[in-house]
Amino acid sequence: MRIGRVEIHPLNAGTLRLDGGAMFGVVPRTLWEQKMQPDEKNRIGMTMNPLLLRTGGKNVLLDTGAGDKQDARFRDTYALGPSTLSASLARHGLGPADIHLVVNTHLHFDHAGGNTVRDEAGRIVPVFPNARYVVQRAEFEEALAAHERNRASYLPENYRPLFDEGRLELADGELEVAPDVALAPLPGHTRGLQGLLIRSGGETGLYLSDCVPTSHHIPFPWIMAYDLYPTETLATKKRILPEAAREGWTLFFEHDPEVPAARIEETAPGRFAVHPLTVEGW
């Protein structure tokens, strides 16, 4: 897939399961279970879909999945499968040393856990030895001040060693990080949530991260209970989705097990039809 001059490859970093009620917030189960069937523990199955961009001679990775550092109890709680990110990159002829930039949309464990790994001595080291990492300053500050409501999602070993080594850069708002590629703040899920906006050759793409985690979350009210600032999520969706529909943007969904990318059509004010895109190699 290409957007103008930017080559784009949706990847797979593994699977997890999260509570369906939490994933769909105020939406009644009778509605959301028609979209994603829960298991006996009320969890729905999802994927972690990082994105690989090739632009200007650089390899840019958006998010890194959960990684493999967690203990058995943690992995059982979230039904975490093994990380498949390295294998997914290898299918495109790349290894960890070939990544130049890692963009973390935010620092929750299922988006930043693959940033680091334990070496044979048990030390936390970067997975991508030649990459610089970037996240919003507001996100890093929120992670450092984690509290009872969000502490389970922020695991310091995923990001603090990178910052201490000078490998993690903090951005303030919009910033071009590679040719035709810019950070795009999408506040709501967390204060510092960001996506990545790709504009090239008259085309536009947006990696939505947890602002719109699956294609089923396109409707304005379908907002996760995990969001710390749900009314900000609502405002963000009202800002970006009508524009995405009007201009035919390609939208990328980080947790959708069936639809990694789609375009949307506004069929009535605030109502959208989703048109999935075929992605080679997915």
C-alpha atoms as a PDB file:
ATOM      1  CA  MET A   1       0.000   0.000   0.000  1.00  0.00           C
ATOM      2  CA  ARG A   2       1.207   3.520  -0.786  1.00  0.00           C
ATOM      3  CA  ILE A   3       0.041   6.989   0.105  1.00  0.00           C
ATOM      4  CA  GLY A   4       1.811   9.183  -2.389  1.00  0.00           C
ATOM      5  CA  ARG A   5       5.526   8.601  -1.909  1.00  0.00           C
ATOM      6  CA  VAL A   6       5.117   6.776   1.424  1.00  0.00           C
ATOM      7  CA  GLU A   7       5.179   2.978   1.404  1.00  0.00           C
ATOM      8  CA  ILE A   8       2.948   1.528   4.136  1.00  0.00           C
ATOM      9  CA  HIS A   9       2.797  -1.961   5.628  1.00  0.00           C
ATOM     10  CA  PRO A  10       0.364  -2.857   8.445  1.00  0.00           C
ATOM     11  CA  LEU A  11       2.115  -5.343  10.738  1.00  0.00           C
ATOM     12  CA  ASN A  12       0.972  -7.793  13.390  1.00  0.00           C
ATOM     13  CA  ALA A  13       2.521  -7.842  16.887  1.00  0.00           C
ATOM     14  CA  GLY A  14       0.291 -10.515  18.404  1.00  0.00           C
ATOM     15  CA  THR A  15      -3.089 -10.855  20.082  1.00  0.00           C
ATOM     16  CA  LEU A  16      -4.756  -9.943  23.358  1.00  0.00           C
ATOM     17  CA  ARG A  17      -8.176  -9.973  24.978  1.00  0.00           C
ATOM     18  CA  LEU A  18      -9.777  -7.121  26.916  1.00  0.00           C
ATOM     19  CA  ASP A  19     -13.138  -6.781  28.644  1.00  0.00           C
ATOM     20  CA  GLY A  20     -15.799  -6.100  26.043  1.00  0.00           C
ATOM     21  CA  GLY A  21     -17.783  -3.763  28.263  1.00  0.00           C
ATOM     22  CA  ALA A  22     -14.694  -1.674  28.936  1.00  0.00           C
ATOM     23  CA  MET A  23     -13.825  -1.602  25.248  1.00  0.00           C
ATOM     24  CA  PHE A  24     -17.232  -0.195  24.304  1.00  0.00           C
ATOM     25  CA  GLY A  25     -18.027   2.019  27.290  1.00  0.00           C
ATOM     26  CA  VAL A  26     -21.668   3.107  27.486  1.00  0.00           C
ATOM     27  CA  VAL A  27     -22.702   1.040  24.446  1.00  0.00           C
ATOM     28  CA  PRO A  28     -24.983  -1.826  25.604  1.00  0.00           C
ATOM     29  CA  ARG A  29     -23.662  -5.358  25.250  1.00  0.00           C
ATOM     30  CA  THR A  30     -26.650  -6.271  23.079  1.00  0.00           C
ATOM     31  CA  LEU A  31     -25.184  -3.913  20.455  1.00  0.00           C
ATOM     32  CA  TRP A  32     -21.436  -4.448  20.710  1.00  0.00           C
ATOM     33  CA  GLU A  33     -21.592  -8.250  20.917  1.00  0.00           C
ATOM     34  CA  GLN A  34     -23.074  -8.220  17.412  1.00  0.00           C
ATOM     35  CA  LYS A  35     -19.745  -6.793  16.266  1.00  0.00           C
ATOM     36  CA  MET A  36     -17.249  -8.675  18.461  1.00  0.00           C
ATOM     37  CA  GLN A  37     -18.254 -11.824  20.325  1.00  0.00           C
ATOM     38  CA  PRO A  38     -16.907 -12.083  23.918  1.00  0.00           C
ATOM     39  CA  ASP A  39     -15.444 -15.207  25.504  1.00  0.00           C
ATOM     40  CA  GLU A  40     -16.578 -16.793  28.782  1.00  0.00           C
ATOM     41  CA  LYS A  41     -14.729 -14.056  30.705  1.00  0.00           C
ATOM     42  CA  ASN A  42     -16.478 -11.294  28.700  1.00  0.00           C
ATOM     43  CA  ARG A  43     -13.227 -10.517  26.841  1.00  0.00           C
ATOM     44  CA  ILE A  44     -13.084  -9.748  23.134  1.00  0.00           C
ATOM     45  CA  GLY A  45     -10.211 -10.840  20.930  1.00  0.00           C
ATOM     46  CA  MET A  46      -8.084  -8.172  19.295  1.00  0.00           C
ATOM     47  CA  THR A  47      -4.804  -7.815  17.470  1.00  0.00           C
ATOM     48  CA  MET A  48      -1.989  -5.335  17.930  1.00  0.00           C
ATOM     49  CA  ASN A  49      -1.356  -3.789  14.525  1.00  0.00           C
ATOM     50  CA  PRO A  50       1.769  -1.626  14.354  1.00  0.00           C
ATOM     51  CA  LEU A  51       2.491   0.188  11.107  1.00  0.00           C
ATOM     52  CA  LEU A  52       5.709   0.239   9.100  1.00  0.00           C
ATOM     53  CA  LEU A  53       6.369   3.289   6.931  1.00  0.00           C
ATOM     54  CA  ARG A  54       9.167   3.598   4.391  1.00  0.00           C
ATOM     55  CA  THR A  55       9.777   7.191   3.425  1.00  0.00           C
ATOM     56  CA  GLY A  56      12.808   9.273   2.518  1.00  0.00           C
ATOM     57  CA  GLY A  57      15.097   6.277   2.926  1.00  0.00           C
ATOM     58  CA  LYS A  58      13.923   5.775   6.521  1.00  0.00           C
ATOM     59  CA  ASN A  59      12.037   2.920   8.180  1.00  0.00           C
ATOM     60  CA  VAL A  60       9.488   4.260  10.667  1.00  0.00           C
ATOM     61  CA  LEU A  61       7.656   1.966  13.099  1.00  0.00           C
ATOM     62  CA  LEU A  62       4.419   3.038  14.773  1.00  0.00           C
ATOM     63  CA  ASP A  63       3.972   1.271  18.117  1.00  0.00           C
ATOM     64  CA  THR A  64       5.577  -2.010  19.137  1.00  0.00           C
ATOM     65  CA  GLY A  65       2.831  -4.158  20.683  1.00  0.00           C
ATOM     66  CA  ALA A  66       3.132  -5.744  24.117  1.00  0.00           C
ATOM     67  CA  GLY A  67       6.471  -7.502  23.711  1.00  0.00           C
ATOM     68  CA  ASP A  68       7.348 -10.619  25.721  1.00  0.00           C
ATOM     69  CA  LYS A  69       8.712  -9.324  29.059  1.00  0.00           C
ATOM     70  CA  GLN A  70       5.629  -9.934  31.213  1.00  0.00           C
ATOM     71  CA  ASP A  71       5.215 -12.792  33.661  1.00  0.00           C
ATOM     72  CA  ALA A  72       2.755 -15.660  33.170  1.00  0.00           C
ATOM     73  CA  ARG A  73       0.060 -14.139  35.411  1.00  0.00           C
ATOM     74  CA  PHE A  74       0.058 -10.858  33.491  1.00  0.00           C
ATOM     75  CA  ARG A  75      -0.064 -12.646  30.151  1.00  0.00           C
ATOM     76  CA  ASP A  76      -2.949 -14.827  31.300  1.00  0.00           C
ATOM     77  CA  THR A  77      -4.967 -11.830  32.510  1.00  0.00           C
ATOM     78  CA  TYR A  78      -4.918 -10.287  29.052  1.00  0.00           C
ATOM     79  CA  ALA A  79      -4.632 -13.567  27.097  1.00  0.00           C
ATOM     80  CA  LEU A  80      -1.486 -12.182  25.505  1.00  0.00           C
ATOM     81  CA  GLY A  81      -0.127 -14.289  22.688  1.00  0.00           C
ATOM     82  CA  PRO A  82       3.579 -14.323  21.811  1.00  0.00           C
ATOM     83  CA  SER A  83       4.915 -11.204  20.138  1.00  0.00           C
ATOM     84  CA  THR A  84       4.969 -11.624  16.356  1.00  0.00           C
ATOM     85  CA  LEU A  85       6.454  -8.212  15.553  1.00  0.00           C
ATOM     86  CA  SER A  86       9.931  -9.439  14.608  1.00  0.00           C
ATOM     87  CA  ALA A  87       8.487 -12.087  12.300  1.00  0.00           C
ATOM     88  CA  SER A  88       6.167  -9.501  10.762  1.00  0.00           C
ATOM     89  CA  LEU A  89       9.091  -7.165  10.070  1.00  0.00           C
ATOM     90  CA  ALA A  90      11.135 -10.051   8.681  1.00  0.00           C
ATOM     91  CA  ARG A  91       8.478 -10.653   6.026  1.00  0.00           C
ATOM     92  CA  HIS A  92       9.430  -7.218   4.716  1.00  0.00           C
ATOM     93  CA  GLY A  93      13.134  -7.992   4.816  1.00  0.00           C
ATOM     94  CA  LEU A  94      13.809  -5.989   7.976  1.00  0.00           C
ATOM     95  CA  GLY A  95      15.276  -6.712  11.383  1.00  0.00           C
ATOM     96  CA  PRO A  96      15.237  -4.577  14.556  1.00  0.00           C
ATOM     97  CA  ALA A  97      18.516  -2.883  13.578  1.00  0.00           C
ATOM     98  CA  ASP A  98      16.900  -1.580  10.359  1.00  0.00           C
ATOM     99  CA  ILE A  99      14.359   0.640  12.150  1.00  0.00           C
ATOM    100  CA  HIS A 100      15.366   4.319  12.255  1.00  0.00           C
ATOM    101  CA  LEU A 101      12.429   5.773  14.227  1.00  0.00           C
ATOM    102  CA  VAL A 102       9.858   4.328  16.633  1.00  0.00           C
ATOM    103  CA  VAL A 103       6.765   6.461  17.254  1.00  0.00           C
ATOM    104  CA  ASN A 104       4.821   5.463  20.363  1.00  0.00           C
ATOM    105  CA  THR A 105       1.254   6.689  20.056  1.00  0.00           C
ATOM    106  CA  HIS A 106       1.156   6.408  23.844  1.00  0.00           C
ATOM    107  CA  LEU A 107       2.888   4.384  26.550  1.00  0.00           C
ATOM    108  CA  HIS A 108       0.311   1.752  27.508  1.00  0.00           C
ATOM    109  CA  PHE A 109       1.782  -1.746  27.663  1.00  0.00           C
ATOM    110  CA  ASP A 110       0.061  -2.996  24.490  1.00  0.00           C
ATOM    111  CA  HIS A 111       1.564  -0.150  22.466  1.00  0.00           C
ATOM    112  CA  ALA A 112       5.020   0.285  24.009  1.00  0.00           C
ATOM    113  CA  GLY A 113       5.843  -3.103  25.554  1.00  0.00           C
ATOM    114  CA  GLY A 114       7.877  -4.094  22.510  1.00  0.00           C
ATOM    115  CA  ASN A 115      10.141  -1.058  22.905  1.00  0.00           C
ATOM    116  CA  THR A 116      12.484  -2.980  25.190  1.00  0.00           C
ATOM    117  CA  VAL A 117      13.527  -6.515  26.039  1.00  0.00           C
ATOM    118  CA  ARG A 118      15.471  -8.275  28.799  1.00  0.00           C
ATOM    119  CA  ASP A 119      18.917  -9.410  27.701  1.00  0.00           C
ATOM    120  CA  GLU A 120      20.626 -12.585  28.930  1.00  0.00           C
ATOM    121  CA  ALA A 121      21.760 -10.768  32.080  1.00  0.00           C
ATOM    122  CA  GLY A 122      18.214  -9.591  32.825  1.00  0.00           C
ATOM    123  CA  ARG A 123      18.898  -5.971  31.888  1.00  0.00           C
ATOM    124  CA  ILE A 124      16.305  -3.915  30.044  1.00  0.00           C
ATOM    125  CA  VAL A 125      17.685  -2.910  26.625  1.00  0.00           C
ATOM    126  CA  PRO A 126      16.144  -1.350  23.489  1.00  0.00           C
ATOM    127  CA  VAL A 127      14.736  -3.783  20.947  1.00  0.00           C
ATOM    128  CA  PHE A 128      15.623  -1.384  18.121  1.00  0.00           C
ATOM    129  CA  PRO A 129      19.284  -0.531  18.702  1.00  0.00           C
ATOM    130  CA  ASN A 130      19.633   2.128  16.003  1.00  0.00           C
ATOM    131  CA  ALA A 131      16.288   3.861  16.466  1.00  0.00           C
ATOM    132  CA  ARG A 132      15.274   6.992  18.244  1.00  0.00           C
ATOM    133  CA  TYR A 133      11.913   6.815  19.983  1.00  0.00           C
ATOM    134  CA  VAL A 134       9.390   9.665  20.175  1.00  0.00           C
ATOM    135  CA  VAL A 135       6.269  10.248  22.260  1.00  0.00           C
ATOM    136  CA  GLN A 136       4.304  13.319  23.306  1.00  0.00           C
ATOM    137  CA  ARG A 137       5.665  15.090  26.387  1.00  0.00           C
ATOM    138  CA  ALA A 138       2.153  15.158  27.877  1.00  0.00           C
ATOM    139  CA  GLU A 139       1.997  11.365  27.565  1.00  0.00           C
ATOM    140  CA  PHE A 140       5.356  10.813  29.246  1.00  0.00           C
ATOM    141  CA  GLU A 141       4.373  13.131  32.102  1.00  0.00           C
ATOM    142  CA  GLU A 142       1.056  11.304  32.529  1.00  0.00           C
ATOM    143  CA  ALA A 143       2.899   7.983  32.664  1.00  0.00           C
ATOM    144  CA  LEU A 144       5.259   9.279  35.359  1.00  0.00           C
ATOM    145  CA  ALA A 145       2.269  10.470  37.412  1.00  0.00           C
ATOM    146  CA  ALA A 146       0.223   7.297  36.930  1.00  0.00           C
ATOM    147  CA  HIS A 147      -2.510   6.735  39.522  1.00  0.00           C
ATOM    148  CA  GLU A 148      -4.910   3.991  40.558  1.00  0.00           C
ATOM    149  CA  ARG A 149      -7.060   4.286  37.435  1.00  0.00           C
ATOM    150  CA  ASN A 150      -4.276   3.998  34.847  1.00  0.00           C
ATOM    151  CA  ARG A 151      -1.273   2.510  36.680  1.00  0.00           C
ATOM    152  CA  ALA A 152      -1.880  -1.019  35.372  1.00  0.00           C
ATOM    153  CA  SER A 153      -1.388   0.206  31.804  1.00  0.00           C
ATOM    154  CA  TYR A 154       1.900   2.063  32.385  1.00  0.00           C
ATOM    155  CA  LEU A 155       4.870  -0.240  32.956  1.00  0.00           C
ATOM    156  CA  PRO A 156       8.038   1.859  33.436  1.00  0.00           C
ATOM    157  CA  GLU A 157      10.355  -0.800  32.020  1.00  0.00           C
ATOM    158  CA  ASN A 158       8.795  -0.111  28.615  1.00  0.00           C
ATOM    159  CA  TYR A 159       9.913   3.523  28.443  1.00  0.00           C
ATOM    160  CA  ARG A 160      11.856   4.823  31.458  1.00  0.00           C
ATOM    161  CA  PRO A 161      15.191   3.151  30.524  1.00  0.00           C
ATOM    162  CA  LEU A 162      14.928   4.691  27.045  1.00  0.00           C
ATOM    163  CA  PHE A 163      14.435   8.153  28.519  1.00  0.00           C
ATOM    164  CA  ASP A 164      17.277   7.721  30.991  1.00  0.00           C
ATOM    165  CA  GLU A 165      19.598   6.766  28.120  1.00  0.00           C
ATOM    166  CA  GLY A 166      18.531   9.751  26.023  1.00  0.00           C
ATOM    167  CA  ARG A 167      16.801   7.504  23.471  1.00  0.00           C
ATOM    168  CA  LEU A 168      13.242   8.741  24.075  1.00  0.00           C
ATOM    169  CA  GLU A 169      12.438  12.168  22.605  1.00  0.00           C
ATOM    170  CA  LEU A 170       9.507  14.217  23.882  1.00  0.00           C
ATOM    171  CA  ALA A 171       7.396  16.141  21.368  1.00  0.00           C
ATOM    172  CA  ASP A 172       5.009  19.013  21.968  1.00  0.00           C
ATOM    173  CA  GLY A 173       2.109  18.759  19.549  1.00  0.00           C
ATOM    174  CA  GLU A 174       2.357  18.394  15.791  1.00  0.00           C
ATOM    175  CA  LEU A 175       5.812  17.625  14.417  1.00  0.00           C
ATOM    176  CA  GLU A 176       7.105  16.312  11.101  1.00  0.00           C
ATOM    177  CA  VAL A 177       9.226  13.284  11.972  1.00  0.00           C
ATOM    178  CA  ALA A 178       9.995  12.000   8.457  1.00  0.00           C
ATOM    179  CA  PRO A 179       9.231  13.161   4.912  1.00  0.00           C
ATOM    180  CA  ASP A 180       5.437  13.489   4.484  1.00  0.00           C
ATOM    181  CA  VAL A 181       4.836  12.074   7.991  1.00  0.00           C
ATOM    182  CA  ALA A 182       3.825  14.081  11.082  1.00  0.00           C
ATOM    183  CA  LEU A 183       2.710  13.478  14.657  1.00  0.00           C
ATOM    184  CA  ALA A 184      -0.999  14.230  15.125  1.00  0.00           C
ATOM    185  CA  PRO A 185      -2.323  14.769  18.685  1.00  0.00           C
ATOM    186  CA  LEU A 186      -5.566  12.820  19.301  1.00  0.00           C
ATOM    187  CA  PRO A 187      -6.369  13.531  22.975  1.00  0.00           C
ATOM    188  CA  GLY A 188      -8.971  11.650  24.944  1.00  0.00           C
ATOM    189  CA  HIS A 189      -7.876   8.093  25.576  1.00  0.00           C
ATOM    190  CA  THR A 190      -4.937   9.745  27.308  1.00  0.00           C
ATOM    191  CA  ARG A 191      -4.058  13.416  27.397  1.00  0.00           C
ATOM    192  CA  GLY A 192      -1.007  12.845  25.213  1.00  0.00           C
ATOM    193  CA  LEU A 193      -2.359  10.285  22.744  1.00  0.00           C
ATOM    194  CA  GLN A 194      -1.042  10.844  19.234  1.00  0.00           C
ATOM    195  CA  GLY A 195      -1.603   9.320  15.837  1.00  0.00           C
ATOM    196  CA  LEU A 196       0.472   9.700  12.715  1.00  0.00           C
ATOM    197  CA  LEU A 197      -0.695  11.766   9.751  1.00  0.00           C
ATOM    198  CA  ILE A 198       0.619  10.870   6.303  1.00  0.00           C
ATOM    199  CA  ARG A 199       0.158  13.461   3.544  1.00  0.00           C
ATOM    200  CA  SER A 200       1.803  12.775   0.210  1.00  0.00           C
ATOM    201  CA  GLY A 201       0.923  13.134  -3.461  1.00  0.00           C
ATOM    202  CA  GLY A 202      -2.500  14.600  -2.719  1.00  0.00           C
ATOM    203  CA  GLU A 203      -3.472  11.645  -0.510  1.00  0.00           C
ATOM    204  CA  THR A 204      -3.890  11.399   3.267  1.00  0.00           C
ATOM    205  CA  GLY A 205      -3.709   8.595   5.789  1.00  0.00           C
ATOM    206  CA  LEU A 206      -4.158   8.618   9.568  1.00  0.00           C
ATOM    207  CA  TYR A 207      -3.095   5.999  12.103  1.00  0.00           C
ATOM    208  CA  LEU A 208      -5.778   6.366  14.770  1.00  0.00           C
ATOM    209  CA  SER A 209      -4.313   4.360  17.659  1.00  0.00           C
ATOM    210  CA  ASP A 210      -6.734   4.146  20.605  1.00  0.00           C
ATOM    211  CA  CYS A 211      -8.777   7.162  19.559  1.00  0.00           C
ATOM    212  CA  VAL A 212     -10.626   4.706  17.289  1.00  0.00           C
ATOM    213  CA  PRO A 213      -9.130   1.297  18.161  1.00  0.00           C
ATOM    214  CA  THR A 214     -11.270  -0.771  15.769  1.00  0.00           C
ATOM    215  CA  SER A 215     -13.494  -0.023  12.811  1.00  0.00           C
ATOM    216  CA  HIS A 216     -16.470  -0.693  15.131  1.00  0.00           C
ATOM    217  CA  HIS A 217     -15.509   2.402  17.174  1.00  0.00           C
ATOM    218  CA  ILE A 218     -16.165   4.829  14.315  1.00  0.00           C
ATOM    219  CA  PRO A 219     -19.612   5.944  15.643  1.00  0.00           C
ATOM    220  CA  PHE A 220     -19.193   9.001  17.854  1.00  0.00           C
ATOM    221  CA  PRO A 221     -20.669   7.455  21.074  1.00  0.00           C
ATOM    222  CA  TRP A 222     -18.645   4.222  20.795  1.00  0.00           C
ATOM    223  CA  ILE A 223     -15.854   5.252  23.152  1.00  0.00           C
ATOM    224  CA  MET A 224     -13.875   3.010  25.484  1.00  0.00           C
ATOM    225  CA  ALA A 225     -14.402   3.080  29.232  1.00  0.00           C
ATOM    226  CA  TYR A 226     -10.596   2.937  29.376  1.00  0.00           C
ATOM    227  CA  ASP A 227     -10.449   6.514  28.057  1.00  0.00           C
ATOM    228  CA  LEU A 228      -9.420   8.913  30.801  1.00  0.00           C
ATOM    229  CA  TYR A 229     -11.020  11.889  29.054  1.00  0.00           C
ATOM    230  CA  PRO A 230     -13.974  10.513  27.063  1.00  0.00           C
ATOM    231  CA  THR A 231     -15.494  13.888  26.220  1.00  0.00           C
ATOM    232  CA  GLU A 232     -12.153  14.852  24.678  1.00  0.00           C
ATOM    233  CA  THR A 233     -12.236  11.629  22.654  1.00  0.00           C
ATOM    234  CA  LEU A 234     -15.683  12.645  21.438  1.00  0.00           C
ATOM    235  CA  ALA A 235     -14.440  16.096  20.433  1.00  0.00           C
ATOM    236  CA  THR A 236     -11.447  14.572  18.638  1.00  0.00           C
ATOM    237  CA  LYS A 237     -13.646  12.166  16.679  1.00  0.00           C
ATOM    238  CA  LYS A 238     -16.015  14.974  15.702  1.00  0.00           C
ATOM    239  CA  ARG A 239     -13.017  16.973  14.473  1.00  0.00           C
ATOM    240  CA  ILE A 240     -11.299  14.343  12.375  1.00  0.00           C
ATOM    241  CA  LEU A 241     -13.870  11.834  11.107  1.00  0.00           C
ATOM    242  CA  PRO A 242     -16.043  14.151   8.969  1.00  0.00           C
ATOM    243  CA  GLU A 243     -12.882  15.534   7.340  1.00  0.00           C
ATOM    244  CA  ALA A 244     -11.569  12.002   6.785  1.00  0.00           C
ATOM    245  CA  ALA A 245     -14.845  11.079   5.076  1.00  0.00           C
ATOM    246  CA  ARG A 246     -14.967  14.207   2.884  1.00  0.00           C
ATOM    247  CA  GLU A 247     -11.370  13.877   1.720  1.00  0.00           C
ATOM    248  CA  GLY A 248     -11.208  10.088   1.394  1.00  0.00           C
ATOM    249  CA  TRP A 249      -8.478   9.496   3.950  1.00  0.00           C
ATOM    250  CA  THR A 250      -7.136   6.007   4.558  1.00  0.00           C
ATOM    251  CA  LEU A 251      -7.671   5.186   8.237  1.00  0.00           C
ATOM    252  CA  PHE A 252      -5.611   2.569  10.095  1.00  0.00           C
ATOM    253  CA  PHE A 253      -7.047   0.689  13.111  1.00  0.00           C
ATOM    254  CA  GLU A 254      -4.577  -0.616  15.669  1.00  0.00           C
ATOM    255  CA  HIS A 255      -6.686  -3.271  17.392  1.00  0.00           C
ATOM    256  CA  ASP A 256      -9.020  -4.529  14.666  1.00  0.00           C
ATOM    257  CA  PRO A 257      -8.449  -8.256  13.976  1.00  0.00           C
ATOM    258  CA  GLU A 258     -10.207  -8.095  10.596  1.00  0.00           C
ATOM    259  CA  VAL A 259      -9.935  -4.535   9.249  1.00  0.00           C
ATOM    260  CA  PRO A 260      -6.464  -2.983   9.479  1.00  0.00           C
ATOM    261  CA  ALA A 261      -7.399  -0.141   7.117  1.00  0.00           C
ATOM    262  CA  ALA A 262     -10.541   1.438   5.668  1.00  0.00           C
ATOM    263  CA  ARG A 263     -12.102   4.536   4.191  1.00  0.00           C
ATOM    264  CA  ILE A 264     -15.305   5.959   5.621  1.00  0.00           C
ATOM    265  CA  GLU A 265     -18.340   7.633   4.073  1.00  0.00           C
ATOM    266  CA  GLU A 266     -20.608  10.049   5.964  1.00  0.00           C
ATOM    267  CA  THR A 267     -24.083   8.770   5.108  1.00  0.00           C
ATOM    268  CA  ALA A 268     -25.877  11.280   7.379  1.00  0.00           C
ATOM    269  CA  PRO A 269     -24.578  13.943   9.787  1.00  0.00           C
ATOM    270  CA  GLY A 270     -22.434  12.044  12.299  1.00  0.00           C
ATOM    271  CA  ARG A 271     -23.151   8.647  10.731  1.00  0.00           C
ATOM    272  CA  PHE A 272     -20.501   6.750   8.780  1.00  0.00           C
ATOM    273  CA  ALA A 273     -20.253   3.674   6.601  1.00  0.00           C
ATOM    274  CA  VAL A 274     -16.941   1.804   6.779  1.00  0.00           C
ATOM    275  CA  HIS A 275     -15.381   0.517   3.560  1.00  0.00           C
ATOM    276  CA  PRO A 276     -12.545  -1.902   4.424  1.00  0.00           C
ATOM    277  CA  LEU A 277      -9.441  -1.869   2.244  1.00  0.00           C
ATOM    278  CA  THR A 278      -7.590  -4.927   1.048  1.00  0.00           C
ATOM    279  CA  VAL A 279      -4.053  -4.867   2.447  1.00  0.00           C
ATOM    280  CA  GLU A 280      -1.490  -7.068   0.732  1.00  0.00           C
ATOM    281  CA  GLY A 281       0.184  -9.478   3.119  1.00  0.00           C
ATOM    282  CA  TRP A 282      -2.284  -8.930   5.960  1.00  0.00           C
END
